[in-house]
Amino acid sequence: MRFYFYVKSDEQAISFFELLKKELNALDQAIADNVEECDVVVIIGGDGTFLSASRKFSKYQKPMVGINLGRLGFLTEIPKDKAVDMLKLITKNQVSIVDRMMIDVYLDDKFLGTYLNDAVLSRASFSRLIDIEVYQDKSLILSLRADGIIVSTPTGSTAYALSAGGPILTPELQNFLIVPICPHTISVRPVVLSSESMITMNIKDKTKEAYLTLDGQEFFEIKKHQHVIIKESDTPCKTISFKEMDFFSIVRDKLSYS
């Protein structure tokens, strides 16, 4: 088994990586120099580090697993004190693989990238509510005034979309989740759509500008007459799942869901 490590650039993560290398060497497990040569990608850091890794490495279709050195640790689900035991389970093939849906995002004809969590169209910091239209293929499904709107994958349903009142979707599903952010009309509710849809968002003429945030890490200014287009990516993010840490046990533990 060959492991490739993607490590957050801070002293704690680097120190822990050195410790894990010693443990794996003692188990006669190899450390790959690049992702193309590995069997498993191990991310050391927090959920933000995992999201960054998903954009960099999902195209190689290597299973990914995260060791949590951050706060919530929903994607980086392995606790630090269980890391060695969990990596041993991987070497024994006592794990399963979940293909998590990712999204391809375009600004008009420009491809912006492939993302694991969500695309958020929102107002500028000090602007008023923005007027947004959302289409499924060519059919208008929402026209609203709000602070913004979230288009989420099932993985992203436990992130910003959950905070905005959206439902939890299990990670193996193939759906878009659309969640308004503080809509002016209280009848507007979240919508779940098939991943076969093409989602288009744009701001209406009354709105001068808005911002597009992707996975909470990349930002683009959106002008009138521009269109944000979102499709299911052909490339999933392959993640490792442990029997000892099923999805809803993590939800209960991390989000106090019961």
Protein backbone atom coordinates (compact mmCIF):
# COMPACT_ATOMS: atom_id res chain seq x y z
CA MET A 1 0.00 0.00 0.00
CA ARG A 2 1.40 3.38 -1.04
CA PHE A 3 0.20 6.51 0.77
CA TYR A 4 0.46 10.06 -0.52
CA PHE A 5 0.15 12.78 2.12
CA TYR A 6 -1.34 16.23 1.60
CA VAL A 7 -0.46 18.21 4.70
CA LYS A 8 -1.66 21.60 5.89
CA SER A 9 1.26 24.01 6.04
CA ASP A 10 1.45 24.53 9.77
CA GLU A 11 3.79 23.20 12.44
CA GLN A 12 1.27 20.89 14.12
CA ALA A 13 0.27 19.16 10.87
CA ILE A 14 3.84 18.76 9.65
CA SER A 15 4.93 17.34 13.01
CA PHE A 16 2.07 14.84 12.97
CA PHE A 17 2.93 13.83 9.41
CA GLU A 18 6.48 12.98 10.49
CA LEU A 19 5.08 10.81 13.28
CA LEU A 20 2.79 8.95 10.88
CA LYS A 21 5.65 8.34 8.46
CA LYS A 22 7.54 6.51 11.19
CA GLU A 23 4.49 4.43 12.05
CA LEU A 24 3.91 3.46 8.42
CA ASN A 25 7.56 2.63 7.87
CA ALA A 26 7.35 0.28 10.86
CA LEU A 27 4.39 -1.41 9.14
CA ASP A 28 6.35 -1.70 5.85
CA GLN A 29 3.98 0.70 4.11
CA ALA A 30 5.38 3.00 1.42
CA ILE A 31 5.13 6.79 1.15
CA ALA A 32 4.56 7.91 -2.44
CA ASP A 33 6.36 10.99 -3.77
CA ASN A 34 3.45 12.03 -5.98
CA VAL A 35 -0.25 11.34 -6.21
CA GLU A 36 -0.03 9.42 -9.49
CA GLU A 37 1.99 6.65 -7.80
CA CYS A 38 -0.16 6.25 -4.67
CA ASP A 39 -3.03 3.99 -3.71
CA VAL A 40 -4.54 6.35 -1.12
CA VAL A 41 -4.37 10.11 -0.53
CA VAL A 42 -4.22 11.03 3.18
CA ILE A 43 -5.11 14.62 4.08
CA ILE A 44 -3.81 16.04 7.36
CA GLY A 45 -5.52 19.24 8.49
CA GLY A 46 -9.11 20.42 8.66
CA ASP A 47 -12.12 20.40 6.36
CA GLY A 48 -10.72 23.33 4.40
CA THR A 49 -7.59 21.30 3.68
CA PHE A 50 -9.77 18.41 2.49
CA LEU A 51 -11.72 20.69 0.14
CA SER A 52 -8.47 22.01 -1.31
CA ALA A 53 -7.20 18.45 -1.80
CA SER A 54 -10.43 17.41 -3.51
CA ARG A 55 -9.95 20.09 -6.17
CA LYS A 56 -6.31 19.14 -6.71
CA PHE A 57 -6.50 15.35 -6.67
CA SER A 58 -9.99 14.07 -7.51
CA LYS A 59 -9.07 13.91 -11.20
CA TYR A 60 -6.61 11.11 -10.36
CA GLN A 61 -9.46 9.01 -8.89
CA LYS A 62 -7.48 7.91 -5.85
CA PRO A 63 -9.42 7.21 -2.64
CA MET A 64 -9.03 10.04 -0.12
CA VAL A 65 -9.21 10.09 3.66
CA GLY A 66 -8.77 12.93 6.15
CA ILE A 67 -7.15 13.14 9.59
CA ASN A 68 -8.62 15.98 11.60
CA LEU A 69 -6.36 18.61 13.11
CA GLY A 70 -8.94 21.36 12.70
CA ARG A 71 -12.14 22.25 14.55
CA LEU A 72 -15.24 20.49 13.23
CA GLY A 73 -13.57 17.75 11.21
CA PHE A 74 -16.60 16.60 9.23
CA LEU A 75 -14.72 15.68 6.04
CA THR A 76 -11.46 14.98 7.86
CA GLU A 77 -13.31 12.42 9.92
CA ILE A 78 -10.44 10.45 11.50
CA PRO A 79 -9.56 11.76 14.99
CA LYS A 80 -5.87 12.33 15.57
CA ASP A 81 -5.67 9.66 18.28
CA LYS A 82 -7.16 7.00 15.97
CA ALA A 83 -5.12 7.78 12.86
CA VAL A 84 -2.70 4.84 13.04
CA ASP A 85 -5.47 2.30 13.72
CA MET A 86 -7.56 3.63 10.84
CA LEU A 87 -4.63 3.56 8.42
CA LYS A 88 -4.05 -0.08 9.42
CA LEU A 89 -7.66 -0.85 8.41
CA ILE A 90 -6.95 0.69 5.01
CA THR A 91 -3.88 -1.52 4.52
CA LYS A 92 -6.07 -4.55 5.29
CA ASN A 93 -8.78 -3.38 2.84
CA GLN A 94 -11.32 -3.28 5.67
CA VAL A 95 -12.93 -0.12 4.33
CA SER A 96 -15.40 0.91 1.63
CA ILE A 97 -15.26 3.64 -1.03
CA VAL A 98 -17.95 6.31 -1.45
CA ASP A 99 -18.13 8.29 -4.70
CA ARG A 100 -19.10 11.82 -3.70
CA MET A 101 -20.66 13.99 -6.36
CA MET A 102 -18.70 17.09 -7.42
CA ILE A 103 -19.86 20.06 -9.48
CA ASP A 104 -18.35 21.81 -12.51
CA VAL A 105 -18.91 25.57 -12.36
CA TYR A 106 -18.82 28.00 -15.29
CA LEU A 107 -19.11 31.78 -15.53
CA ASP A 108 -20.76 32.11 -18.93
CA ASP A 109 -18.38 30.10 -21.16
CA LYS A 110 -15.42 30.23 -18.74
CA PHE A 111 -14.76 27.05 -16.75
CA LEU A 112 -13.98 27.99 -13.13
CA GLY A 113 -13.23 24.53 -11.72
CA THR A 114 -14.59 21.40 -10.05
CA TYR A 115 -15.84 21.64 -6.46
CA LEU A 116 -16.95 19.27 -3.71
CA ASN A 117 -19.15 21.41 -1.44
CA ASP A 118 -21.07 24.29 -2.96
CA ALA A 119 -21.43 27.39 -5.09
CA VAL A 120 -22.84 30.45 -3.32
CA LEU A 121 -24.14 33.54 -5.11
CA SER A 122 -24.46 36.34 -2.54
CA ARG A 123 -24.65 40.06 -2.06
CA ALA A 124 -21.63 42.28 -1.58
CA SER A 125 -20.67 43.03 2.01
CA PHE A 126 -22.56 46.32 2.38
CA SER A 127 -25.15 45.99 -0.39
CA ARG A 128 -28.88 45.44 -0.02
CA LEU A 129 -30.68 42.22 -0.87
CA ILE A 130 -30.00 40.96 -4.36
CA ASP A 131 -32.50 39.85 -7.00
CA ILE A 132 -31.69 36.34 -8.26
CA GLU A 133 -33.11 34.01 -10.88
CA VAL A 134 -32.43 30.26 -10.77
CA TYR A 135 -33.17 27.95 -13.69
CA GLN A 136 -33.29 24.17 -13.98
CA ASP A 137 -32.24 23.65 -17.58
CA LYS A 138 -34.43 26.30 -19.28
CA SER A 139 -37.23 26.34 -16.69
CA LEU A 140 -37.35 29.13 -14.12
CA ILE A 141 -37.66 27.58 -10.65
CA LEU A 142 -36.88 30.55 -8.38
CA SER A 143 -37.01 34.31 -8.71
CA LEU A 144 -36.38 35.96 -5.37
CA ARG A 145 -34.85 38.70 -3.30
CA ALA A 146 -32.43 37.41 -0.70
CA ASP A 147 -28.96 37.70 0.78
CA GLY A 148 -28.00 34.97 -1.67
CA ILE A 149 -28.51 31.39 -2.74
CA ILE A 150 -26.55 28.18 -2.24
CA VAL A 151 -26.27 25.37 -4.78
CA SER A 152 -24.86 22.45 -2.85
CA THR A 153 -23.80 18.86 -3.41
CA PRO A 154 -24.90 16.19 -0.92
CA THR A 155 -21.48 16.58 0.73
CA GLY A 156 -22.04 20.32 1.07
CA SER A 157 -25.49 19.79 2.61
CA THR A 158 -23.86 19.57 6.06
CA ALA A 159 -21.95 22.84 5.56
CA TYR A 160 -23.30 26.33 4.76
CA ALA A 161 -26.52 24.89 3.31
CA LEU A 162 -27.37 23.30 6.65
CA SER A 163 -26.79 26.59 8.48
CA ALA A 164 -29.18 28.28 6.02
CA GLY A 165 -31.95 25.79 6.80
CA GLY A 166 -31.38 23.08 4.21
CA PRO A 167 -31.84 19.33 4.77
CA ILE A 168 -29.08 16.77 5.27
CA LEU A 169 -28.37 14.59 2.22
CA THR A 170 -26.28 11.45 2.57
CA PRO A 171 -22.99 11.65 0.63
CA GLU A 172 -23.64 8.86 -1.90
CA LEU A 173 -26.68 10.66 -3.39
CA GLN A 174 -26.60 12.37 -6.78
CA ASN A 175 -28.58 15.57 -6.25
CA PHE A 176 -28.37 19.33 -6.26
CA LEU A 177 -29.61 21.09 -3.15
CA ILE A 178 -30.74 24.70 -3.63
CA VAL A 179 -31.05 26.75 -0.45
CA PRO A 180 -31.99 30.47 -0.31
CA ILE A 181 -30.06 32.62 2.19
CA CYS A 182 -32.41 34.85 4.22
CA PRO A 183 -35.06 35.23 1.49
CA HIS A 184 -37.37 38.23 1.70
CA THR A 185 -40.39 35.98 1.08
CA ILE A 186 -40.93 33.37 3.80
CA SER A 187 -42.67 30.94 1.41
CA VAL A 188 -39.39 30.25 -0.41
CA ARG A 189 -37.97 26.91 0.71
CA PRO A 190 -35.00 24.66 -0.19
CA VAL A 191 -35.33 22.49 -3.29
CA VAL A 192 -33.67 19.16 -4.15
CA LEU A 193 -33.10 18.46 -7.85
CA SER A 194 -31.69 15.63 -9.92
CA SER A 195 -27.99 15.86 -10.71
CA GLU A 196 -28.92 15.42 -14.38
CA SER A 197 -30.15 19.02 -14.33
CA MET A 198 -28.13 22.03 -15.42
CA ILE A 199 -28.50 24.87 -12.91
CA THR A 200 -28.17 28.48 -14.06
CA MET A 201 -28.11 31.50 -11.73
CA ASN A 202 -28.02 35.17 -12.60
CA ILE A 203 -28.69 38.49 -10.91
CA LYS A 204 -31.53 40.61 -12.25
CA ASP A 205 -31.20 44.16 -13.58
CA LYS A 206 -31.92 45.86 -10.24
CA THR A 207 -28.77 44.33 -8.74
CA LYS A 208 -25.48 45.96 -9.69
CA GLU A 209 -23.09 43.27 -8.44
CA ALA A 210 -22.83 40.08 -6.46
CA TYR A 211 -20.16 37.57 -5.50
CA LEU A 212 -19.72 33.90 -6.28
CA THR A 213 -17.98 31.82 -3.61
CA LEU A 214 -16.88 28.27 -4.43
CA ASP A 215 -16.21 25.79 -1.62
CA GLY A 216 -15.81 28.85 0.63
CA GLN A 217 -12.29 29.28 -0.77
CA GLU A 218 -12.47 30.87 -4.24
CA PHE A 219 -14.22 34.15 -5.01
CA PHE A 220 -15.46 35.86 -8.19
CA GLU A 221 -17.30 39.13 -8.75
CA ILE A 222 -20.50 38.66 -10.78
CA LYS A 223 -21.91 41.45 -12.94
CA LYS A 224 -25.33 41.91 -14.49
CA HIS A 225 -25.99 39.73 -17.55
CA GLN A 226 -23.42 37.13 -16.48
CA HIS A 227 -24.60 33.57 -15.88
CA VAL A 228 -23.32 31.08 -13.31
CA ILE A 229 -23.79 27.58 -14.73
CA ILE A 230 -23.47 24.45 -12.59
CA LYS A 231 -23.39 20.85 -13.77
CA GLU A 232 -22.60 17.52 -12.17
CA SER A 233 -18.93 16.74 -12.77
CA ASP A 234 -17.95 13.55 -14.57
CA THR A 235 -15.31 13.16 -11.84
CA PRO A 236 -16.47 12.13 -8.34
CA CYS A 237 -14.40 12.53 -5.21
CA LYS A 238 -13.59 9.03 -4.00
CA THR A 239 -13.56 8.94 -0.21
CA ILE A 240 -12.80 6.15 2.23
CA SER A 241 -15.52 5.13 4.67
CA PHE A 242 -15.08 3.10 7.87
CA LYS A 243 -17.69 0.80 9.42
CA GLU A 244 -16.73 2.21 12.80
CA MET A 245 -17.57 5.75 11.62
CA ASP A 246 -20.78 5.65 9.59
CA PHE A 247 -22.25 8.89 8.24
CA PHE A 248 -24.95 9.42 10.85
CA SER A 249 -22.66 8.61 13.76
CA ILE A 250 -20.48 11.47 12.49
CA VAL A 251 -23.56 13.71 12.12
CA ARG A 252 -24.61 12.94 15.68
CA ASP A 253 -21.13 13.50 17.03
CA LYS A 254 -20.17 16.63 15.07
CA LEU A 255 -23.56 18.33 14.69
CA SER A 256 -25.39 17.07 17.80
CA TYR A 257 -28.07 15.60 15.56
CA SER A 258 -30.47 13.26 17.34
